[in-house]
Amino acid sequence: MINAKERSPAQEAYNVIRMAFEMIEIIKEVREIVNFPTLNMRIGIHTGTVIGGITGTDIVRYDLYGTDVMIAN
């Protein structure tokens, strides 16, 4: 576990934004590969408290819950 004093919120935010831009580039590549010009991705970034959980019995999915998730949505 990372100690809160060792965390760098600025670096973490930068990493999340870089990841979002990489996801956009990957979607562009997939769009061309599958020949689906309207394929797109919506990426939202929000900070706050969330609760994570595993849902589903046949298909296991990880989901996030909480007021901050609803605001971001």
C-alpha atoms as a PDB file:
ATOM      1  CA  MET A   1       0.000   0.000   0.000  1.00  0.00           C
ATOM      2  CA  ILE A   2       1.249   3.488  -0.836  1.00  0.00           C
ATOM      3  CA  ASN A   3       1.600   5.883   2.050  1.00  0.00           C
ATOM      4  CA  ALA A   4      -0.460   9.053   1.490  1.00  0.00           C
ATOM      5  CA  LYS A   5       2.640  11.167   2.137  1.00  0.00           C
ATOM      6  CA  GLU A   6       4.422   9.474  -0.778  1.00  0.00           C
ATOM      7  CA  ARG A   7       1.605  10.133  -3.281  1.00  0.00           C
ATOM      8  CA  SER A   8       1.860  12.857  -5.875  1.00  0.00           C
ATOM      9  CA  PRO A   9      -1.627  14.058  -6.920  1.00  0.00           C
ATOM     10  CA  ALA A  10      -0.158  16.110  -9.775  1.00  0.00           C
ATOM     11  CA  GLN A  11       1.723  13.099 -11.153  1.00  0.00           C
ATOM     12  CA  GLU A  12      -1.328  10.869 -10.725  1.00  0.00           C
ATOM     13  CA  ALA A  13      -3.514  13.366 -12.621  1.00  0.00           C
ATOM     14  CA  TYR A  14      -0.915  13.572 -15.385  1.00  0.00           C
ATOM     15  CA  ASN A  15      -0.812   9.770 -15.644  1.00  0.00           C
ATOM     16  CA  VAL A  16      -4.608   9.530 -15.887  1.00  0.00           C
ATOM     17  CA  ILE A  17      -4.725  12.142 -18.638  1.00  0.00           C
ATOM     18  CA  ARG A  18      -1.947  10.376 -20.557  1.00  0.00           C
ATOM     19  CA  MET A  19      -3.882   7.125 -20.261  1.00  0.00           C
ATOM     20  CA  ALA A  20      -7.024   8.834 -21.613  1.00  0.00           C
ATOM     21  CA  PHE A  21      -5.140  10.145 -24.648  1.00  0.00           C
ATOM     22  CA  GLU A  22      -3.674   6.664 -25.253  1.00  0.00           C
ATOM     23  CA  MET A  23      -7.183   5.191 -25.099  1.00  0.00           C
ATOM     24  CA  ILE A  24      -8.330   7.701 -27.722  1.00  0.00           C
ATOM     25  CA  GLU A  25      -5.455   6.710 -30.017  1.00  0.00           C
ATOM     26  CA  ILE A  26      -6.230   3.008 -29.576  1.00  0.00           C
ATOM     27  CA  ILE A  27      -9.901   3.581 -30.416  1.00  0.00           C
ATOM     28  CA  LYS A  28      -8.806   5.367 -33.616  1.00  0.00           C
ATOM     29  CA  GLU A  29      -6.691   2.328 -34.557  1.00  0.00           C
ATOM     30  CA  VAL A  30      -9.497  -0.118 -33.779  1.00  0.00           C
ATOM     31  CA  ARG A  31     -11.957   2.026 -35.759  1.00  0.00           C
ATOM     32  CA  GLU A  32      -9.787   1.587 -38.855  1.00  0.00           C
ATOM     33  CA  ILE A  33      -9.110  -2.125 -38.266  1.00  0.00           C
ATOM     34  CA  VAL A  34     -12.789  -3.056 -37.907  1.00  0.00           C
ATOM     35  CA  ASN A  35     -13.924  -0.519 -40.532  1.00  0.00           C
ATOM     36  CA  PHE A  36     -16.436   1.109 -38.171  1.00  0.00           C
ATOM     37  CA  PRO A  37     -16.118   4.886 -38.734  1.00  0.00           C
ATOM     38  CA  THR A  38     -18.633   5.845 -36.021  1.00  0.00           C
ATOM     39  CA  LEU A  39     -16.901   3.844 -33.262  1.00  0.00           C
ATOM     40  CA  ASN A  40     -15.947   6.256 -30.510  1.00  0.00           C
ATOM     41  CA  MET A  41     -15.208   6.397 -26.795  1.00  0.00           C
ATOM     42  CA  ARG A  42     -16.311   8.832 -24.116  1.00  0.00           C
ATOM     43  CA  ILE A  43     -13.751   9.332 -21.377  1.00  0.00           C
ATOM     44  CA  GLY A  44     -14.524  11.177 -18.165  1.00  0.00           C
ATOM     45  CA  ILE A  45     -12.107  12.065 -15.400  1.00  0.00           C
ATOM     46  CA  HIS A  46     -13.352  12.929 -11.938  1.00  0.00           C
ATOM     47  CA  THR A  47     -11.858  12.775  -8.477  1.00  0.00           C
ATOM     48  CA  GLY A  48     -13.612  11.934  -5.249  1.00  0.00           C
ATOM     49  CA  THR A  49     -14.745   9.032  -3.151  1.00  0.00           C
ATOM     50  CA  VAL A  50     -16.052   5.905  -4.816  1.00  0.00           C
ATOM     51  CA  ILE A  51     -16.975   2.405  -3.785  1.00  0.00           C
ATOM     52  CA  GLY A  52     -15.898  -0.425  -6.065  1.00  0.00           C
ATOM     53  CA  GLY A  53     -17.536  -3.792  -6.356  1.00  0.00           C
ATOM     54  CA  ILE A  54     -17.756  -6.949  -8.385  1.00  0.00           C
ATOM     55  CA  THR A  55     -21.141  -7.557  -9.988  1.00  0.00           C
ATOM     56  CA  GLY A  56     -22.638 -10.361 -12.037  1.00  0.00           C
ATOM     57  CA  THR A  57     -22.852 -14.126 -11.784  1.00  0.00           C
ATOM     58  CA  ASP A  58     -22.364 -15.282 -15.376  1.00  0.00           C
ATOM     59  CA  ILE A  59     -20.257 -12.342 -16.499  1.00  0.00           C
ATOM     60  CA  VAL A  60     -18.184 -10.836 -13.715  1.00  0.00           C
ATOM     61  CA  ARG A  61     -17.799  -7.069 -13.981  1.00  0.00           C
ATOM     62  CA  TYR A  62     -16.081  -4.477 -11.867  1.00  0.00           C
ATOM     63  CA  ASP A  63     -18.239  -1.450 -11.180  1.00  0.00           C
ATOM     64  CA  LEU A  64     -17.924   1.814  -9.268  1.00  0.00           C
ATOM     65  CA  TYR A  65     -20.643   3.348  -7.128  1.00  0.00           C
ATOM     66  CA  GLY A  66     -21.119   6.510  -5.132  1.00  0.00           C
ATOM     67  CA  THR A  67     -22.269  10.106  -5.323  1.00  0.00           C
ATOM     68  CA  ASP A  68     -19.091  11.207  -7.096  1.00  0.00           C
ATOM     69  CA  VAL A  69     -19.640   8.569  -9.786  1.00  0.00           C
ATOM     70  CA  MET A  70     -23.164   9.869 -10.380  1.00  0.00           C
ATOM     71  CA  ILE A  71     -21.848  13.453 -10.645  1.00  0.00           C
ATOM     72  CA  ALA A  72     -19.206  12.378 -13.163  1.00  0.00           C
ATOM     73  CA  ASN A  73     -21.832  10.512 -15.172  1.00  0.00           C
END
